[in-house]
Protein backbone atom coordinates (compact mmCIF):
# COMPACT_ATOMS: atom_id res chain seq x y z
CA MET A 1 31.29 -26.02 11.95
CA TYR A 2 30.76 -22.85 12.07
CA ILE A 3 30.84 -22.45 7.58
CA LYS A 4 28.06 -24.96 7.55
CA PHE A 5 25.78 -23.26 10.11
CA THR A 6 26.59 -19.71 8.09
CA LEU A 7 25.40 -21.86 5.28
CA ILE A 8 22.11 -22.69 6.67
CA LEU A 9 21.39 -19.47 7.90
CA ILE A 10 22.31 -18.31 4.04
CA ILE A 11 19.56 -20.53 2.56
CA SER A 12 16.97 -19.61 5.46
CA ILE A 13 17.08 -16.24 4.54
CA LEU A 14 17.21 -16.64 0.76
CA SER A 15 14.56 -19.44 1.21
CA ASN A 16 12.30 -16.24 3.16
CA LEU A 17 12.72 -13.91 0.49
CA GLU A 18 11.76 -15.94 -2.43
CA ASN A 19 8.64 -16.60 -0.46
CA PHE A 20 7.73 -12.73 -0.30
CA ALA A 21 8.86 -12.81 -4.06
CA GLN A 22 8.56 -16.07 -4.83
CA ASP A 23 7.19 -15.05 -9.14
CA PRO A 24 8.85 -13.16 -11.79
CA TYR A 25 7.04 -10.27 -11.67
CA PHE A 26 6.41 -9.03 -15.36
CA SER A 27 5.68 -4.72 -15.60
CA ASN A 28 4.27 -4.75 -19.08
CA TYR A 29 1.92 -7.64 -17.36
CA SER A 30 -0.82 -6.89 -20.31
CA ALA A 31 1.82 -8.35 -22.76
CA ASN A 32 2.56 -11.10 -20.61
CA LEU A 33 -0.68 -12.29 -19.96
CA ILE A 34 0.56 -16.21 -20.46
CA TYR A 35 2.48 -16.18 -17.68
CA LEU A 36 -0.39 -14.42 -15.14
CA ASN A 37 -3.63 -16.17 -16.80
CA PRO A 38 -3.68 -19.73 -18.01
CA ALA A 39 -6.77 -18.85 -20.25
CA PHE A 40 -4.97 -16.09 -21.57
CA VAL A 41 -4.44 -18.67 -25.02
CA SER A 42 -7.85 -18.95 -26.09
CA SER A 43 -8.42 -16.10 -26.47
CA LEU A 44 -6.06 -15.12 -29.10
CA ALA A 45 -7.05 -14.61 -32.80
CA GLY A 46 -3.60 -16.19 -34.10
CA TYR A 47 -0.40 -17.67 -33.89
CA GLU A 48 1.81 -15.29 -31.32
CA VAL A 49 5.56 -15.43 -30.52
CA SER A 50 7.01 -13.72 -27.14
CA VAL A 51 9.91 -13.05 -26.13
CA THR A 52 10.61 -10.78 -22.14
CA TYR A 53 13.61 -9.53 -21.03
CA ARG A 54 13.81 -8.02 -17.05
CA ASN A 55 16.28 -6.72 -15.48
CA GLN A 56 15.01 -5.86 -11.73
CA TRP A 57 17.68 -3.62 -9.53
CA PRO A 58 20.20 -2.99 -11.86
CA GLY A 59 21.84 -0.74 -9.93
CA LEU A 60 22.47 -4.30 -7.98
CA LYS A 61 24.76 -6.32 -9.66
CA ASP A 62 23.24 -9.01 -11.07
CA ALA A 63 20.32 -9.00 -8.18
CA PHE A 64 16.87 -10.52 -10.44
CA VAL A 65 17.22 -11.04 -14.34
CA THR A 66 14.17 -12.91 -15.65
CA TYR A 67 13.81 -14.54 -19.56
CA GLY A 68 11.03 -15.18 -20.86
CA ALA A 69 9.65 -17.11 -24.09
CA SER A 70 6.11 -18.07 -24.77
CA PHE A 71 4.47 -19.58 -28.17
CA SER A 72 0.80 -19.56 -28.20
CA ALA A 73 -1.42 -21.38 -31.03
CA PRO A 74 -5.65 -20.78 -31.60
CA MET A 75 -7.46 -24.04 -32.23
CA ILE A 76 -10.61 -22.66 -33.67
CA LYS A 77 -11.91 -25.72 -34.78
CA TYR A 78 -11.80 -27.17 -31.06
CA LYS A 79 -12.83 -23.79 -29.43
CA SER A 80 -9.69 -23.62 -27.64
CA GLY A 81 -5.97 -22.62 -27.11
CA LEU A 82 -2.35 -24.33 -26.49
CA GLY A 83 0.26 -22.54 -25.22
CA PHE A 84 4.40 -23.59 -24.32
CA HIS A 85 6.24 -20.97 -22.34
CA PHE A 86 9.62 -20.86 -20.79
CA LEU A 87 10.56 -18.75 -17.70
CA ASN A 88 14.62 -18.66 -16.79
CA ASP A 89 14.40 -16.30 -12.60
CA VAL A 90 18.98 -15.98 -11.87
CA GLN A 91 19.35 -14.33 -8.76
CA GLY A 92 22.38 -13.30 -7.26
CA GLY A 93 24.55 -13.89 -10.24
CA GLY A 94 23.67 -17.44 -10.62
CA ILE A 95 23.49 -18.01 -6.75
CA ILE A 96 19.83 -19.29 -6.96
CA THR A 97 18.61 -20.01 -10.54
CA SER A 98 14.53 -21.43 -11.05
CA THR A 99 13.66 -22.80 -14.64
CA SER A 100 10.25 -23.72 -15.38
CA VAL A 101 8.97 -25.38 -18.37
CA ASN A 102 5.07 -24.83 -18.70
CA THR A 103 2.24 -26.19 -21.23
CA THR A 104 -1.29 -24.59 -21.33
CA TYR A 105 -4.29 -25.45 -22.43
CA ALA A 106 -7.42 -23.01 -22.23
CA TYR A 107 -11.12 -24.02 -23.79
CA ARG A 108 -13.53 -20.60 -24.71
CA ILE A 109 -17.45 -20.51 -24.73
CA LYS A 110 -19.15 -18.24 -26.94
CA PHE A 111 -22.28 -16.66 -25.16
CA ASN A 112 -23.11 -14.70 -28.49
CA PRO A 113 -21.38 -12.99 -31.16
CA ARG A 114 -19.78 -10.61 -28.28
CA ILE A 115 -19.33 -12.38 -25.37
CA PHE A 116 -16.94 -15.45 -24.27
CA LEU A 117 -15.25 -17.23 -21.42
CA ASN A 118 -12.16 -18.58 -21.28
CA ALA A 119 -10.81 -21.42 -18.73
CA GLY A 120 -7.75 -22.90 -18.55
CA LEU A 121 -5.30 -25.28 -16.62
CA ARG A 122 -1.65 -24.81 -16.55
CA ALA A 123 0.92 -27.30 -15.97
CA SER A 124 4.22 -26.52 -14.77
CA TYR A 125 7.96 -28.61 -14.38
CA TYR A 126 10.77 -26.33 -12.01
CA PHE A 127 14.49 -26.77 -12.40
CA LYS A 128 15.68 -24.99 -8.88
CA ASN A 129 19.52 -24.80 -8.40
CA LEU A 130 20.93 -23.35 -5.28
CA ASN A 131 24.60 -22.60 -6.19
CA ALA A 132 26.34 -22.29 -2.66
CA ASP A 133 29.85 -22.05 -4.16
CA ASN A 134 29.22 -18.35 -5.44
CA LEU A 135 28.43 -17.66 -1.71
CA ILE A 136 30.93 -15.29 0.06
CA PHE A 137 31.91 -16.71 3.45
CA GLU A 138 33.66 -14.83 6.27
CA SER A 139 36.61 -16.99 5.95
CA ASP A 140 37.19 -15.72 2.66
CA ILE A 141 37.29 -12.28 3.41
CA ASN A 142 41.28 -11.14 3.57
CA GLY A 143 41.27 -8.12 5.57
CA GLY A 144 44.71 -7.19 3.57
CA GLN A 145 43.57 -8.45 0.32
CA GLY A 146 39.41 -8.23 -0.15
CA ILE A 147 37.92 -11.12 -0.86
CA THR A 148 39.99 -15.02 -1.66
CA ASN A 149 38.92 -18.03 -3.14
CA GLY A 150 37.97 -20.10 0.26
CA GLN A 151 39.28 -23.67 0.40
CA ASP A 152 35.88 -25.11 1.09
CA VAL A 153 33.86 -26.63 -2.08
CA PHE A 154 30.08 -26.75 -2.03
CA GLU A 155 27.95 -29.26 -4.18
CA THR A 156 24.78 -27.51 -5.97
CA VAL A 157 21.53 -28.29 -4.05
CA LYS A 158 18.93 -29.24 -6.89
CA SER A 159 15.16 -29.92 -6.58
CA THR A 160 12.61 -30.67 -8.99
CA PHE A 161 8.79 -30.75 -8.71
CA TRP A 162 5.65 -30.41 -10.86
CA ASP A 163 3.23 -26.93 -10.44
CA PHE A 164 -0.37 -26.29 -11.68
CA SER A 165 -2.44 -22.74 -12.24
CA LEU A 166 -5.80 -22.53 -13.13
CA GLY A 167 -7.34 -19.33 -14.92
CA PHE A 168 -10.67 -18.44 -15.99
CA MET A 169 -11.32 -15.21 -18.59
CA ALA A 170 -14.32 -13.20 -20.21
CA GLU A 171 -13.97 -11.00 -23.00
CA PHE A 172 -17.10 -8.68 -23.45
CA TYR A 173 -17.81 -6.98 -27.12
CA ASP A 174 -13.48 -6.67 -27.80
CA MET A 175 -13.98 -3.13 -25.82
CA PHE A 176 -13.74 -5.55 -22.21
CA ASP A 177 -12.11 -8.30 -20.56
CA ALA A 178 -11.41 -9.80 -17.02
CA GLY A 179 -9.77 -12.08 -15.61
CA PHE A 180 -9.35 -14.15 -12.35
CA SER A 181 -6.09 -17.01 -11.92
CA ILE A 182 -4.84 -19.08 -9.11
CA GLN A 183 -1.03 -20.37 -8.83
CA HIS A 184 0.00 -23.05 -7.30
CA ILE A 185 -2.97 -24.62 -6.56
CA THR A 186 -1.19 -27.66 -5.34
CA GLN A 187 1.37 -25.15 -3.31
CA PRO A 188 4.72 -27.54 -4.09
CA GLY A 189 7.31 -27.25 -2.09
CA GLY A 190 10.42 -29.07 -0.06
CA TYR A 191 13.25 -27.38 -2.50
CA PHE A 192 16.71 -26.83 -0.80
CA SER A 193 14.95 -27.89 2.70
CA THR A 194 12.23 -29.54 4.31
CA ASN A 195 11.29 -26.27 6.46
CA ASP A 196 7.64 -25.81 5.77
CA ASN A 197 7.60 -22.19 5.30
CA ASN A 198 9.92 -23.25 2.15
CA VAL A 199 6.79 -23.68 -0.63
CA PHE A 200 5.16 -22.17 -3.25
CA PHE A 201 2.44 -20.12 -1.42
CA ARG A 202 -1.10 -19.99 -3.13
CA SER A 203 -1.31 -16.68 -5.03
CA TYR A 204 -4.35 -14.83 -6.43
CA SER A 205 -4.41 -12.54 -9.06
CA PHE A 206 -7.14 -10.58 -10.44
CA HIS A 207 -6.77 -8.37 -13.76
CA ALA A 208 -9.20 -6.41 -16.01
CA SER A 209 -8.96 -4.10 -18.93
CA GLY A 210 -10.66 -1.97 -21.59
CA LYS A 211 -10.49 -0.40 -24.50
CA ILE A 212 -11.84 3.33 -25.48
CA PRO A 213 -11.24 4.49 -29.36
CA LEU A 214 -10.60 8.39 -28.84
CA VAL A 215 -12.01 10.26 -31.87
CA VAL A 216 -9.65 13.16 -32.88
CA GLY A 217 -10.76 13.94 -36.07
CA HIS A 218 -10.89 13.40 -39.83
CA GLY A 219 -7.95 12.46 -41.62
CA VAL A 220 -6.19 11.92 -38.20
CA ASP A 221 -4.91 8.39 -37.10
CA PRO A 222 -7.06 7.10 -34.05
CA ALA A 223 -5.77 6.53 -30.92
CA VAL A 224 -7.19 4.56 -27.85
CA LEU A 225 -6.87 4.64 -24.36
CA ARG A 226 -6.30 1.40 -22.62
CA PRO A 227 -7.18 1.54 -19.18
CA SER A 228 -6.03 -1.54 -16.93
CA ILE A 229 -5.89 -3.11 -13.18
CA LEU A 230 -4.14 -5.41 -11.63
CA PHE A 231 -4.66 -7.24 -8.12
CA GLN A 232 -2.05 -10.10 -6.42
CA LYS A 233 -1.96 -11.65 -3.01
CA CYS A 234 -0.08 -14.36 -1.65
CA LYS A 235 -0.72 -14.82 2.25
CA GLN A 236 -0.32 -11.49 3.84
CA HIS A 237 1.24 -9.40 0.68
CA HIS A 238 -0.93 -7.66 -1.47
CA GLN A 239 -0.35 -5.27 -4.64
CA LEU A 240 -2.24 -2.99 -6.56
CA VAL A 241 -1.53 -1.90 -10.03
CA TYR A 242 -3.46 0.50 -11.92
CA GLY A 243 -2.62 2.71 -14.64
CA SER A 244 -3.70 3.06 -18.44
CA GLY A 245 -1.82 2.68 -22.05
CA LEU A 246 -2.49 5.26 -25.09
CA SER A 247 -1.70 4.16 -28.36
CA VAL A 248 -1.86 6.69 -31.47
CA SER A 249 -1.00 5.56 -34.78
CA SER A 250 2.39 3.09 -34.62
CA LEU A 251 3.05 4.28 -30.88
CA SER A 252 2.18 3.30 -27.56
CA PHE A 253 3.34 4.96 -24.07
CA GLY A 254 1.59 4.18 -20.63
CA LEU A 255 2.08 4.63 -17.12
CA TRP A 256 1.40 2.55 -14.34
CA LEU A 257 1.21 2.93 -10.20
CA LYS A 258 1.87 0.10 -7.84
CA ASN A 259 0.76 0.17 -3.98
CA ASP A 260 -0.64 -2.16 -1.11
CA PHE A 261 -3.78 -1.29 0.16
CA LYS A 262 -2.26 0.85 2.91
CA PHE A 263 -1.49 3.16 -0.36
CA SER A 264 2.30 2.81 0.16
CA PHE A 265 3.48 3.11 -3.13
CA SER A 266 6.88 1.21 -3.98
CA SER A 267 7.05 2.04 -8.01
CA LEU A 268 5.70 4.00 -11.21
CA THR A 269 6.17 2.05 -14.51
CA ALA A 270 6.93 4.50 -17.71
CA LEU A 271 6.21 2.52 -21.02
CA ALA A 272 7.03 3.40 -24.52
CA GLY A 273 6.55 0.75 -27.59
CA PHE A 274 6.19 0.52 -31.50
CA ILE A 275 3.25 -1.14 -32.84
CA GLN A 276 3.11 -2.92 -36.05
CA PRO A 277 0.22 -5.02 -37.89
CA ASN A 278 2.40 -8.44 -37.34
CA TYR A 279 4.65 -7.66 -34.32
CA LYS A 280 5.04 -5.51 -31.13
CA LEU A 281 8.11 -3.66 -29.41
CA SER A 282 7.94 -2.47 -26.00
CA TYR A 283 10.15 -0.98 -22.95
CA SER A 284 9.41 -0.12 -19.90
CA TYR A 285 11.22 1.37 -16.44
CA ASP A 286 10.35 0.94 -13.11
CA ILE A 287 10.58 4.11 -11.10
CA ASN A 288 11.19 3.21 -7.16
CA LEU A 289 9.09 4.84 -4.96
CA THR A 290 10.33 3.56 -1.50
CA ARG A 291 12.73 5.11 0.73
CA ALA A 292 16.01 2.83 0.99
CA GLY A 293 18.75 5.04 1.66
CA PHE A 294 21.03 4.76 -0.93
CA LEU A 295 19.75 2.51 -2.87
CA THR A 296 16.53 4.07 -3.82
CA TYR A 297 18.02 4.91 -6.96
CA LYS A 298 19.49 1.43 -7.34
CA LEU A 299 16.18 -0.42 -6.81
CA GLY A 300 14.47 0.31 -10.68
CA ALA A 301 13.81 -2.49 -13.69
CA HIS A 302 13.97 -2.80 -17.11
CA GLU A 303 11.86 -4.78 -19.46
CA VAL A 304 12.12 -5.34 -22.98
CA THR A 305 9.14 -7.82 -24.30
CA PHE A 306 8.69 -8.44 -28.09
CA GLN A 307 5.40 -9.94 -29.58
CA LEU A 308 5.11 -11.62 -33.06
CA THR A 309 1.57 -12.27 -34.41
CA ILE A 310 0.57 -14.06 -37.36
CA ARG A 311 -3.19 -14.07 -37.79
CA HIS A 312 -5.05 -17.30 -38.14
CA HIS A 313 -7.05 -17.44 -41.51
CA GLU A 314 -9.63 -20.58 -41.96
CA LYS A 315 -9.60 -22.32 -44.36
CA ARG A 316 -13.16 -21.54 -46.72
CA ARG A 317 -14.82 -24.62 -47.87
CA LYS A 318 -15.25 -25.33 -51.61
CA HIS A 319 -19.16 -25.29 -52.53
CA ARG A 320 -19.20 -27.89 -55.18
CA ALA A 321 -21.95 -27.01 -58.54
CA ILE A 322 -25.08 -28.82 -58.55
CA LYS A 323 -25.60 -30.94 -61.73
CA TYR A 324 -28.93 -30.30 -63.04
CA PRO A 325 -30.50 -32.98 -65.25
CA ARG A 326 -30.89 -31.14 -68.90
CA LEU A 327 -34.39 -31.17 -70.55
């Protein structure tokens, strides 16, 4: 009876943690906009394949590990784009796993040759598992031998459900873009328990970025400054991320600061990357700025993203010669 009560208590604690950080977060969000805003897929100029790995709090063994993969394709003939992405989030070494398969469709409206508006809808199917056998109870701890295998065996708790998200994105003169998205429109819930708080709460995101060419001099590789900002809100929780990237020739660098509206700083993200015409490789590290005692230096995050782009070339129409009658 004591073990069952402890199990219910731990599930409740983990569920509340899920509500605070219900979605995986990517520090290099500008390279992972397909996860943030469904409207992004209709703004691409070519086919794009992306793979992302994130290890959050690496100082704590297997705290949060996230894997992501996506494929996006423009459908220029239909003024739209189609995207697919897969996310796998593993918490506590497999105690909680969340996997989602996502399909996105976005439509592109052209106001003039340099101004566009994109609107997108995403349908997601989630698989969530709670492996209670990986939990350690008081009865599993032997004072003389440490942790031993308990006699109680628990079945894995599984839950599946649908979810939907909506997004908009505007582009201006290939120099500035801004977007707004709503995640978890239907607020699906009921996984692991029937608690009213055990749901995916509706969340909101606003992002904007610019491109500022820097002219260094004749014969010198041009540099481009890319300032960006991201605001996210879910219930009473909110965060603001702002900073800039800098690309020079085939190299890229960046710094972004994250805090809430009370200017409680939580992390500083440093990024370095390698850029080629058809692919990009970037690595970022989150430097923890919160005070957490001996855990302060253990709460960073490693993130690696690889992007492959295949430019879309429209087929040119063949013009037949007009035959004139011979005179």
